[in-house]
């Protein structure tokens, strides 16, 4: 037996996904909602379930919430990458000093 979801559920699910796009993968949202990935992907791609903003879905233009979420995600990623770079610099310096100490 196939589960039937209401139009309201589909719109809410798509709106939730779009609000958290870039933070939560589509596979996780679909699994959390108990929906198959293929069905959920159809909902996300359909203007009918665009969370009441079908024009934005058809035009494929990101809304302010999408841009803010992407900006937050990129800031977090940038901070993480800077931290990783500093760790790698320290590790490279450490191993360079170790090698030069062994050669003497």
PDB file of N, CA and C in Angstrom:
ATOM      1  N   UNK A   1       0.836  -1.179   0.000  1.00  0.00           N
ATOM      2  CA  UNK A   1       0.000   0.000   0.000  1.00  0.00           C
ATOM      3  C   UNK A   1       0.887   1.252   0.000  1.00  0.00           C
ATOM      4  N   UNK A   2       0.585   2.157  -0.902  1.00  0.00           N
ATOM      5  CA  UNK A   2       1.362   3.380  -1.034  1.00  0.00           C
ATOM      6  C   UNK A   2       0.778   4.461  -0.130  1.00  0.00           C
ATOM      7  N   UNK A   3       1.656   5.165   0.565  1.00  0.00           N
ATOM      8  CA  UNK A   3       1.208   6.238   1.447  1.00  0.00           C
ATOM      9  C   UNK A   3       0.747   7.418   0.605  1.00  0.00           C
ATOM     10  N   UNK A   4      -0.335   8.025   0.996  1.00  0.00           N
ATOM     11  CA  UNK A   4      -0.854   9.215   0.315  1.00  0.00           C
ATOM     12  C   UNK A   4      -0.593  10.417   1.205  1.00  0.00           C
ATOM     13  N   UNK A   5      -0.024  11.437   0.642  1.00  0.00           N
ATOM     14  CA  UNK A   5       0.280  12.634   1.387  1.00  0.00           C
ATOM     15  C   UNK A   5      -0.604  13.772   0.890  1.00  0.00           C
ATOM     16  N   UNK A   6      -1.040  14.604   1.803  1.00  0.00           N
ATOM     17  CA  UNK A   6      -1.901  15.720   1.437  1.00  0.00           C
ATOM     18  C   UNK A   6      -1.088  16.783   0.713  1.00  0.00           C
ATOM     19  N   UNK A   7      -1.801  17.642  -0.018  1.00  0.00           N
ATOM     20  CA  UNK A   7      -1.145  18.745  -0.704  1.00  0.00           C
ATOM     21  C   UNK A   7      -0.438  19.650   0.302  1.00  0.00           C
ATOM     22  N   UNK A   8      -1.065  19.858   1.439  1.00  0.00           N
ATOM     23  CA  UNK A   8      -0.482  20.709   2.475  1.00  0.00           C
ATOM     24  C   UNK A   8       0.837  20.106   2.983  1.00  0.00           C
ATOM     25  N   UNK A   9       0.848  18.793   3.185  1.00  0.00           N
ATOM     26  CA  UNK A   9       2.069  18.116   3.639  1.00  0.00           C
ATOM     27  C   UNK A   9       3.185  18.303   2.619  1.00  0.00           C
ATOM     28  N   UNK A  10       2.842  18.129   1.336  1.00  0.00           N
ATOM     29  CA  UNK A  10       3.852  18.257   0.286  1.00  0.00           C
ATOM     30  C   UNK A  10       4.402  19.679   0.229  1.00  0.00           C
ATOM     31  N   UNK A  11       3.520  20.674   0.296  1.00  0.00           N
ATOM     32  CA  UNK A  11       3.972  22.070   0.272  1.00  0.00           C
ATOM     33  C   UNK A  11       4.861  22.370   1.481  1.00  0.00           C
ATOM     34  N   UNK A  12       4.449  21.898   2.648  1.00  0.00           N
ATOM     35  CA  UNK A  12       5.240  22.133   3.864  1.00  0.00           C
ATOM     36  C   UNK A  12       6.598  21.443   3.777  1.00  0.00           C
ATOM     37  N   UNK A  13       6.607  20.225   3.241  1.00  0.00           N
ATOM     38  CA  UNK A  13       7.859  19.477   3.112  1.00  0.00           C
ATOM     39  C   UNK A  13       8.826  20.191   2.184  1.00  0.00           C
ATOM     40  N   UNK A  14       8.313  20.680   1.052  1.00  0.00           N
ATOM     41  CA  UNK A  14       9.159  21.390   0.092  1.00  0.00           C
ATOM     42  C   UNK A  14       9.644  22.713   0.689  1.00  0.00           C
ATOM     43  N   UNK A  15       8.761  23.412   1.386  1.00  0.00           N
ATOM     44  CA  UNK A  15       9.150  24.676   2.018  1.00  0.00           C
ATOM     45  C   UNK A  15      10.236  24.436   3.064  1.00  0.00           C
ATOM     46  N   UNK A  16      10.095  23.366   3.839  1.00  0.00           N
ATOM     47  CA  UNK A  16      11.109  23.026   4.849  1.00  0.00           C
ATOM     48  C   UNK A  16      12.453  22.753   4.175  1.00  0.00           C
ATOM     49  N   UNK A  17      12.416  21.953   3.111  1.00  0.00           N
ATOM     50  CA  UNK A  17      13.658  21.626   2.402  1.00  0.00           C
ATOM     51  C   UNK A  17      14.311  22.884   1.846  1.00  0.00           C
ATOM     52  N   UNK A  18      13.529  23.736   1.215  1.00  0.00           N
ATOM     53  CA  UNK A  18      14.084  24.961   0.617  1.00  0.00           C
ATOM     54  C   UNK A  18      14.653  25.889   1.696  1.00  0.00           C
ATOM     55  N   UNK A  19      14.013  25.938   2.850  1.00  0.00           N
ATOM     56  CA  UNK A  19      14.501  26.798   3.935  1.00  0.00           C
ATOM     57  C   UNK A  19      15.826  26.292   4.493  1.00  0.00           C
ATOM     58  N   UNK A  20      16.070  24.988   4.382  1.00  0.00           N
ATOM     59  CA  UNK A  20      17.289  24.390   4.938  1.00  0.00           C
ATOM     60  C   UNK A  20      18.222  23.864   3.854  1.00  0.00           C
ATOM     61  N   UNK A  21      17.997  24.285   2.622  1.00  0.00           N
ATOM     62  CA  UNK A  21      18.820  23.817   1.512  1.00  0.00           C
ATOM     63  C   UNK A  21      20.270  24.208   1.757  1.00  0.00           C
ATOM     64  N   UNK A  22      21.164  23.301   1.555  1.00  0.00           N
ATOM     65  CA  UNK A  22      22.578  23.547   1.806  1.00  0.00           C
ATOM     66  C   UNK A  22      22.992  23.138   3.208  1.00  0.00           C
ATOM     67  N   UNK A  23      22.026  22.985   4.095  1.00  0.00           N
ATOM     68  CA  UNK A  23      22.312  22.562   5.464  1.00  0.00           C
ATOM     69  C   UNK A  23      21.958  21.091   5.665  1.00  0.00           C
ATOM     70  N   UNK A  24      20.847  20.678   5.068  1.00  0.00           N
ATOM     71  CA  UNK A  24      20.369  19.303   5.219  1.00  0.00           C
ATOM     72  C   UNK A  24      20.187  18.711   3.829  1.00  0.00           C
ATOM     73  N   UNK A  25      20.814  17.569   3.533  1.00  0.00           N
ATOM     74  CA  UNK A  25      20.665  16.973   2.207  1.00  0.00           C
ATOM     75  C   UNK A  25      19.235  16.480   1.961  1.00  0.00           C
ATOM     76  N   UNK A  26      18.851  16.483   0.692  1.00  0.00           N
ATOM     77  CA  UNK A  26      17.513  16.044   0.307  1.00  0.00           C
ATOM     78  C   UNK A  26      17.243  14.619   0.785  1.00  0.00           C
ATOM     79  N   UNK A  27      18.257  13.766   0.734  1.00  0.00           N
ATOM     80  CA  UNK A  27      18.067  12.379   1.159  1.00  0.00           C
ATOM     81  C   UNK A  27      17.660  12.301   2.626  1.00  0.00           C
ATOM     82  N   UNK A  28      18.259  13.148   3.452  1.00  0.00           N
ATOM     83  CA  UNK A  28      17.949  13.135   4.880  1.00  0.00           C
ATOM     84  C   UNK A  28      16.538  13.663   5.136  1.00  0.00           C
ATOM     85  N   UNK A  29      16.155  14.736   4.443  1.00  0.00           N
ATOM     86  CA  UNK A  29      14.808  15.288   4.619  1.00  0.00           C
ATOM     87  C   UNK A  29      13.772  14.248   4.221  1.00  0.00           C
ATOM     88  N   UNK A  30      13.979  13.602   3.075  1.00  0.00           N
ATOM     89  CA  UNK A  30      13.033  12.587   2.611  1.00  0.00           C
ATOM     90  C   UNK A  30      12.929  11.444   3.620  1.00  0.00           C
ATOM     91  N   UNK A  31      14.074  10.982   4.123  1.00  0.00           N
ATOM     92  CA  UNK A  31      14.060   9.888   5.102  1.00  0.00           C
ATOM     93  C   UNK A  31      13.356  10.305   6.388  1.00  0.00           C
ATOM     94  N   UNK A  32      13.626  11.533   6.855  1.00  0.00           N
ATOM     95  CA  UNK A  32      12.988  12.012   8.082  1.00  0.00           C
ATOM     96  C   UNK A  32      11.472  12.103   7.940  1.00  0.00           C
ATOM     97  N   UNK A  33      11.001  12.411   6.727  1.00  0.00           N
ATOM     98  CA  UNK A  33       9.565  12.546   6.497  1.00  0.00           C
ATOM     99  C   UNK A  33       8.898  11.221   6.135  1.00  0.00           C
ATOM    100  N   UNK A  34       9.703  10.195   5.898  1.00  0.00           N
ATOM    101  CA  UNK A  34       9.140   8.900   5.521  1.00  0.00           C
ATOM    102  C   UNK A  34       8.660   8.866   4.083  1.00  0.00           C
ATOM    103  N   UNK A  35       9.345   9.616   3.223  1.00  0.00           N
ATOM    104  CA  UNK A  35       8.985   9.728   1.812  1.00  0.00           C
ATOM    105  C   UNK A  35      10.139   9.166   0.997  1.00  0.00           C
ATOM    106  N   UNK A  36       9.821   8.498  -0.108  1.00  0.00           N
ATOM    107  CA  UNK A  36      10.902   8.009  -0.959  1.00  0.00           C
ATOM    108  C   UNK A  36      11.623   9.203  -1.578  1.00  0.00           C
ATOM    109  N   UNK A  37      12.904   9.019  -1.851  1.00  0.00           N
ATOM    110  CA  UNK A  37      13.705  10.098  -2.421  1.00  0.00           C
ATOM    111  C   UNK A  37      13.170  10.504  -3.790  1.00  0.00           C
ATOM    112  N   UNK A  38      12.751   9.549  -4.594  1.00  0.00           N
ATOM    113  CA  UNK A  38      12.248   9.892  -5.931  1.00  0.00           C
ATOM    114  C   UNK A  38      10.966  10.715  -5.842  1.00  0.00           C
ATOM    115  N   UNK A  39      10.066  10.342  -4.944  1.00  0.00           N
ATOM    116  CA  UNK A  39       8.820  11.103  -4.786  1.00  0.00           C
ATOM    117  C   UNK A  39       9.122  12.512  -4.274  1.00  0.00           C
ATOM    118  N   UNK A  40       9.996  12.604  -3.284  1.00  0.00           N
ATOM    119  CA  UNK A  40      10.326  13.906  -2.726  1.00  0.00           C
ATOM    120  C   UNK A  40      11.000  14.788  -3.775  1.00  0.00           C
ATOM    121  N   UNK A  41      11.860  14.200  -4.589  1.00  0.00           N
ATOM    122  CA  UNK A  41      12.509  14.949  -5.660  1.00  0.00           C
ATOM    123  C   UNK A  41      11.496  15.504  -6.652  1.00  0.00           C
ATOM    124  N   UNK A  42      10.455  14.737  -6.951  1.00  0.00           N
ATOM    125  CA  UNK A  42       9.392  15.227  -7.836  1.00  0.00           C
ATOM    126  C   UNK A  42       8.658  16.401  -7.196  1.00  0.00           C
ATOM    127  N   UNK A  43       8.405  16.304  -5.897  1.00  0.00           N
ATOM    128  CA  UNK A  43       7.728  17.407  -5.202  1.00  0.00           C
ATOM    129  C   UNK A  43       8.564  18.675  -5.280  1.00  0.00           C
ATOM    130  N   UNK A  44       9.865  18.535  -5.012  1.00  0.00           N
ATOM    131  CA  UNK A  44      10.758  19.705  -4.994  1.00  0.00           C
ATOM    132  C   UNK A  44      10.833  20.340  -6.384  1.00  0.00           C
ATOM    133  N   UNK A  45      10.795  19.533  -7.421  1.00  0.00           N
ATOM    134  CA  UNK A  45      10.889  20.049  -8.781  1.00  0.00           C
ATOM    135  C   UNK A  45       9.585  20.552  -9.357  1.00  0.00           C
ATOM    136  N   UNK A  46       8.489  20.313  -8.667  1.00  0.00           N
ATOM    137  CA  UNK A  46       7.174  20.677  -9.180  1.00  0.00           C
ATOM    138  C   UNK A  46       6.739  22.053  -8.681  1.00  0.00           C
ATOM    139  N   UNK A  47       6.330  22.942  -9.590  1.00  0.00           N
ATOM    140  CA  UNK A  47       5.821  24.246  -9.157  1.00  0.00           C
ATOM    141  C   UNK A  47       4.568  24.118  -8.281  1.00  0.00           C
ATOM    142  N   UNK A  48       3.859  23.035  -8.413  1.00  0.00           N
ATOM    143  CA  UNK A  48       2.638  22.843  -7.627  1.00  0.00           C
ATOM    144  C   UNK A  48       2.933  22.745  -6.133  1.00  0.00           C
ATOM    145  N   UNK A  49       4.124  22.288  -5.770  1.00  0.00           N
ATOM    146  CA  UNK A  49       4.460  22.114  -4.346  1.00  0.00           C
ATOM    147  C   UNK A  49       5.537  23.091  -3.923  1.00  0.00           C
ATOM    148  N   UNK A  50       5.588  24.236  -4.552  1.00  0.00           N
ATOM    149  CA  UNK A  50       6.643  25.210  -4.282  1.00  0.00           C
ATOM    150  C   UNK A  50       6.442  26.022  -3.020  1.00  0.00           C
ATOM    151  N   UNK A  51       5.670  25.535  -2.079  1.00  0.00           N
ATOM    152  CA  UNK A  51       5.482  26.249  -0.833  1.00  0.00           C
ATOM    153  C   UNK A  51       4.703  27.538  -1.002  1.00  0.00           C
ATOM    154  N   UNK A  52       3.805  27.572  -2.004  1.00  0.00           N
ATOM    155  CA  UNK A  52       2.986  28.748  -2.227  1.00  0.00           C
ATOM    156  C   UNK A  52       3.679  29.825  -3.033  1.00  0.00           C
ATOM    157  N   UNK A  53       4.891  29.563  -3.528  1.00  0.00           N
ATOM    158  CA  UNK A  53       5.623  30.538  -4.313  1.00  0.00           C
ATOM    159  C   UNK A  53       6.061  29.885  -5.611  1.00  0.00           C
ATOM    160  N   UNK A  54       5.099  29.510  -6.431  1.00  0.00           N
ATOM    161  CA  UNK A  54       5.378  28.771  -7.661  1.00  0.00           C
ATOM    162  C   UNK A  54       6.227  29.592  -8.630  1.00  0.00           C
ATOM    163  N   UNK A  55       6.087  30.918  -8.653  1.00  0.00           N
ATOM    164  CA  UNK A  55       6.869  31.748  -9.565  1.00  0.00           C
ATOM    165  C   UNK A  55       8.356  31.620  -9.299  1.00  0.00           C
ATOM    166  N   UNK A  56       8.746  31.590  -8.028  1.00  0.00           N
ATOM    167  CA  UNK A  56      10.164  31.460  -7.685  1.00  0.00           C
ATOM    168  C   UNK A  56      10.698  30.106  -8.100  1.00  0.00           C
ATOM    169  N   UNK A  57       9.861  29.075  -8.005  1.00  0.00           N
ATOM    170  CA  UNK A  57      10.292  27.737  -8.393  1.00  0.00           C
ATOM    171  C   UNK A  57      10.467  27.668  -9.900  1.00  0.00           C
ATOM    172  N   UNK A  58       9.510  28.233 -10.651  1.00  0.00           N
ATOM    173  CA  UNK A  58       9.583  28.191 -12.107  1.00  0.00           C
ATOM    174  C   UNK A  58      10.769  29.013 -12.597  1.00  0.00           C
ATOM    175  N   UNK A  59      10.968  30.194 -12.025  1.00  0.00           N
ATOM    176  CA  UNK A  59      12.061  31.055 -12.455  1.00  0.00           C
ATOM    177  C   UNK A  59      13.411  30.532 -11.968  1.00  0.00           C
ATOM    178  N   UNK A  60      13.391  29.624 -11.008  1.00  0.00           N
ATOM    179  CA  UNK A  60      14.600  29.042 -10.441  1.00  0.00           C
ATOM    180  C   UNK A  60      15.504  30.109  -9.835  1.00  0.00           C
ATOM    181  N   UNK A  61      14.896  31.141  -9.256  1.00  0.00           N
ATOM    182  CA  UNK A  61      15.657  32.192  -8.609  1.00  0.00           C
ATOM    183  C   UNK A  61      15.644  31.959  -7.108  1.00  0.00           C
ATOM    184  N   UNK A  62      16.808  32.036  -6.478  1.00  0.00           N
ATOM    185  CA  UNK A  62      16.832  31.829  -5.030  1.00  0.00           C
ATOM    186  C   UNK A  62      16.158  32.987  -4.309  1.00  0.00           C
ATOM    187  N   UNK A  63      15.427  32.654  -3.263  1.00  0.00           N
ATOM    188  CA  UNK A  63      14.786  33.668  -2.455  1.00  0.00           C
ATOM    189  C   UNK A  63      15.752  34.183  -1.407  1.00  0.00           C
ATOM    190  N   UNK A  64      15.352  35.217  -0.661  1.00  0.00           N
ATOM    191  CA  UNK A  64      16.233  35.770   0.370  1.00  0.00           C
ATOM    192  C   UNK A  64      16.645  34.735   1.413  1.00  0.00           C
ATOM    193  N   UNK A  65      15.730  33.850   1.776  1.00  0.00           N
ATOM    194  CA  UNK A  65      16.058  32.816   2.752  1.00  0.00           C
ATOM    195  C   UNK A  65      17.106  31.853   2.237  1.00  0.00           C
ATOM    196  N   UNK A  66      17.018  31.534   0.933  1.00  0.00           N
ATOM    197  CA  UNK A  66      17.999  30.635   0.324  1.00  0.00           C
ATOM    198  C   UNK A  66      19.387  31.272   0.335  1.00  0.00           C
ATOM    199  N   UNK A  67      19.440  32.554   0.004  1.00  0.00           N
ATOM    200  CA  UNK A  67      20.734  33.240  -0.045  1.00  0.00           C
ATOM    201  C   UNK A  67      21.343  33.382   1.346  1.00  0.00           C
ATOM    202  N   UNK A  68      20.504  33.671   2.323  1.00  0.00           N
ATOM    203  CA  UNK A  68      21.002  33.794   3.700  1.00  0.00           C
ATOM    204  C   UNK A  68      21.530  32.455   4.204  1.00  0.00           C
ATOM    205  N   UNK A  69      20.809  31.387   3.911  1.00  0.00           N
ATOM    206  CA  UNK A  69      21.250  30.059   4.336  1.00  0.00           C
ATOM    207  C   UNK A  69      22.563  29.686   3.647  1.00  0.00           C
ATOM    208  N   UNK A  70      22.659  29.981   2.367  1.00  0.00           N
ATOM    209  CA  UNK A  70      23.895  29.687   1.631  1.00  0.00           C
ATOM    210  C   UNK A  70      25.051  30.503   2.186  1.00  0.00           C
ATOM    211  N   UNK A  71      24.789  31.760   2.511  1.00  0.00           N
ATOM    212  CA  UNK A  71      25.824  32.621   3.083  1.00  0.00           C
ATOM    213  C   UNK A  71      26.307  32.071   4.420  1.00  0.00           C
ATOM    214  N   UNK A  72      25.381  31.633   5.284  1.00  0.00           N
ATOM    215  CA  UNK A  72      25.765  31.037   6.573  1.00  0.00           C
ATOM    216  C   UNK A  72      26.608  29.790   6.355  1.00  0.00           C
ATOM    217  N   UNK A  73      26.173  28.948   5.412  1.00  0.00           N
ATOM    218  CA  UNK A  73      26.897  27.705   5.137  1.00  0.00           C
ATOM    219  C   UNK A  73      28.310  28.015   4.655  1.00  0.00           C
ATOM    220  N   UNK A  74      28.438  28.992   3.764  1.00  0.00           N
ATOM    221  CA  UNK A  74      29.754  29.336   3.230  1.00  0.00           C
ATOM    222  C   UNK A  74      30.655  29.949   4.295  1.00  0.00           C
ATOM    223  N   UNK A  75      30.095  30.744   5.193  1.00  0.00           N
ATOM    224  CA  UNK A  75      30.897  31.313   6.275  1.00  0.00           C
ATOM    225  C   UNK A  75      31.429  30.211   7.191  1.00  0.00           C
ATOM    226  N   UNK A  76      30.573  29.225   7.514  1.00  0.00           N
ATOM    227  CA  UNK A  76      31.012  28.102   8.351  1.00  0.00           C
ATOM    228  C   UNK A  76      32.108  27.315   7.656  1.00  0.00           C
ATOM    229  N   UNK A  77      31.906  27.051   6.363  1.00  0.00           N
ATOM    230  CA  UNK A  77      32.900  26.288   5.609  1.00  0.00           C
ATOM    231  C   UNK A  77      34.219  27.058   5.525  1.00  0.00           C
ATOM    232  N   UNK A  78      34.137  28.369   5.317  1.00  0.00           N
ATOM    233  CA  UNK A  78      35.338  29.191   5.244  1.00  0.00           C
ATOM    234  C   UNK A  78      36.105  29.152   6.564  1.00  0.00           C
ATOM    235  N   UNK A  79      35.402  29.264   7.681  1.00  0.00           N
ATOM    236  CA  UNK A  79      36.056  29.221   8.997  1.00  0.00           C
ATOM    237  C   UNK A  79      36.716  27.864   9.213  1.00  0.00           C
ATOM    238  N   UNK A  80      36.031  26.779   8.830  1.00  0.00           N
ATOM    239  CA  UNK A  80      36.584  25.436   8.978  1.00  0.00           C
ATOM    240  C   UNK A  80      37.834  25.272   8.123  1.00  0.00           C
ATOM    241  N   UNK A  81      37.794  25.768   6.891  1.00  0.00           N
ATOM    242  CA  UNK A  81      38.947  25.644   6.004  1.00  0.00           C
ATOM    243  C   UNK A  81      40.139  26.452   6.503  1.00  0.00           C
ATOM    244  N   UNK A  82      39.881  27.631   7.064  1.00  0.00           N
ATOM    245  CA  UNK A  82      40.972  28.427   7.637  1.00  0.00           C
ATOM    246  C   UNK A  82      41.620  27.699   8.801  1.00  0.00           C
ATOM    247  N   UNK A  83      40.786  27.085   9.639  1.00  0.00           N
ATOM    248  CA  UNK A  83      41.308  26.325  10.779  1.00  0.00           C
ATOM    249  C   UNK A  83      42.139  25.140  10.302  1.00  0.00           C
ATOM    250  N   UNK A  84      41.639  24.422   9.302  1.00  0.00           N
ATOM    251  CA  UNK A  84      42.386  23.287   8.765  1.00  0.00           C
ATOM    252  C   UNK A  84      43.713  23.733   8.165  1.00  0.00           C
ATOM    253  N   UNK A  85      43.709  24.873   7.475  1.00  0.00           N
ATOM    254  CA  UNK A  85      44.946  25.395   6.876  1.00  0.00           C
ATOM    255  C   UNK A  85      45.978  25.703   7.952  1.00  0.00           C
ATOM    256  N   UNK A  86      45.548  26.296   9.059  1.00  0.00           N
ATOM    257  CA  UNK A  86      46.473  26.612  10.152  1.00  0.00           C
ATOM    258  C   UNK A  86      47.047  25.333  10.765  1.00  0.00           C
ATOM    259  N   UNK A  87      46.214  24.339  10.927  1.00  0.00           N
ATOM    260  CA  UNK A  87      46.689  23.060  11.471  1.00  0.00           C
ATOM    261  C   UNK A  87      47.732  22.446  10.531  1.00  0.00           C
ATOM    262  N   UNK A  88      47.448  22.482   9.231  1.00  0.00           N
ATOM    263  CA  UNK A  88      48.397  21.923   8.269  1.00  0.00           C
ATOM    264  C   UNK A  88      49.708  22.695   8.237  1.00  0.00           C
ATOM    265  N   UNK A  89      49.641  24.019   8.383  1.00  0.00           N
ATOM    266  CA  UNK A  89      50.867  24.819   8.436  1.00  0.00           C
ATOM    267  C   UNK A  89      51.725  24.407   9.629  1.00  0.00           C
ATOM    268  N   UNK A  90      51.083  24.245  10.784  1.00  0.00           N
ATOM    269  CA  UNK A  90      51.810  23.858  11.998  1.00  0.00           C
ATOM    270  C   UNK A  90      52.392  22.457  11.859  1.00  0.00           C
ATOM    271  N   UNK A  91      51.622  21.555  11.261  1.00  0.00           N
ATOM    272  CA  UNK A  91      52.111  20.186  11.068  1.00  0.00           C
ATOM    273  C   UNK A  91      53.296  20.177  10.108  1.00  0.00           C
ATOM    274  N   UNK A  92      53.221  20.947   9.035  1.00  0.00           N
ATOM    275  CA  UNK A  92      54.326  21.001   8.068  1.00  0.00           C
ATOM    276  C   UNK A  92      55.583  21.556   8.730  1.00  0.00           C
ATOM    277  N   UNK A  93      55.422  22.590   9.537  1.00  0.00           N
ATOM    278  CA  UNK A  93      56.572  23.168  10.235  1.00  0.00           C
ATOM    279  C   UNK A  93      57.160  22.166  11.221  1.00  0.00           C
ATOM    280  N   UNK A  94      56.306  21.447  11.919  1.00  0.00           N
ATOM    281  CA  UNK A  94      56.769  20.453  12.891  1.00  0.00           C
ATOM    282  C   UNK A  94      57.587  19.371  12.194  1.00  0.00           C
ATOM    283  N   UNK A  95      57.045  18.810  11.106  1.00  0.00           N
ATOM    284  CA  UNK A  95      57.750  17.733  10.419  1.00  0.00           C
ATOM    285  C   UNK A  95      59.004  18.237   9.723  1.00  0.00           C
ATOM    286  N   UNK A  96      59.008  19.486   9.271  1.00  0.00           N
ATOM    287  CA  UNK A  96      60.230  20.051   8.688  1.00  0.00           C
ATOM    288  C   UNK A  96      61.317  20.153   9.730  1.00  0.00           C
ATOM    289  N   UNK A  97      60.959  20.560  10.950  1.00  0.00           N
ATOM    290  CA  UNK A  97      61.937  20.648  12.031  1.00  0.00           C
ATOM    291  C   UNK A  97      62.418  19.272  12.447  1.00  0.00           C
ATOM    292  N   UNK A  98      61.533  18.285  12.452  1.00  0.00           N
ATOM    293  CA  UNK A  98      61.907  16.913  12.799  1.00  0.00           C
ATOM    294  C   UNK A  98      62.904  16.366  11.790  1.00  0.00           C
ATOM    295  N   UNK A  99      62.649  16.595  10.504  1.00  0.00           N
ATOM    296  CA  UNK A  99      63.551  16.082   9.464  1.00  0.00           C
ATOM    297  C   UNK A  99      64.909  16.756   9.537  1.00  0.00           C
ATOM    298  N   UNK A 100      64.930  18.054   9.755  1.00  0.00           N
ATOM    299  CA  UNK A 100      66.209  18.756   9.822  1.00  0.00           C
ATOM    300  C   UNK A 100      66.996  18.335  11.048  1.00  0.00           C
ATOM    301  N   UNK A 101      66.330  17.982  12.132  1.00  0.00           N
ATOM    302  CA  UNK A 101      66.987  17.506  13.347  1.00  0.00           C
ATOM    303  C   UNK A 101      67.587  16.121  13.138  1.00  0.00           C
ATOM    304  N   UNK A 102      66.990  15.292  12.345  1.00  0.00           N
ATOM    305  CA  UNK A 102      67.494  13.938  12.101  1.00  0.00           C
ATOM    306  C   UNK A 102      68.668  13.947  11.131  1.00  0.00           C
ATOM    307  N   UNK A 103      68.771  14.946  10.268  1.00  0.00           N
ATOM    308  CA  UNK A 103      69.834  15.007   9.275  1.00  0.00           C
ATOM    309  C   UNK A 103      71.152  15.457   9.877  1.00  0.00           C
ATOM    310  N   UNK A 104      71.120  16.126  11.002  1.00  0.00           N
ATOM    311  CA  UNK A 104      72.342  16.676  11.602  1.00  0.00           C
ATOM    312  C   UNK A 104      73.203  15.612  12.189  1.00  0.00           C
TER     313      UNK A 104
END
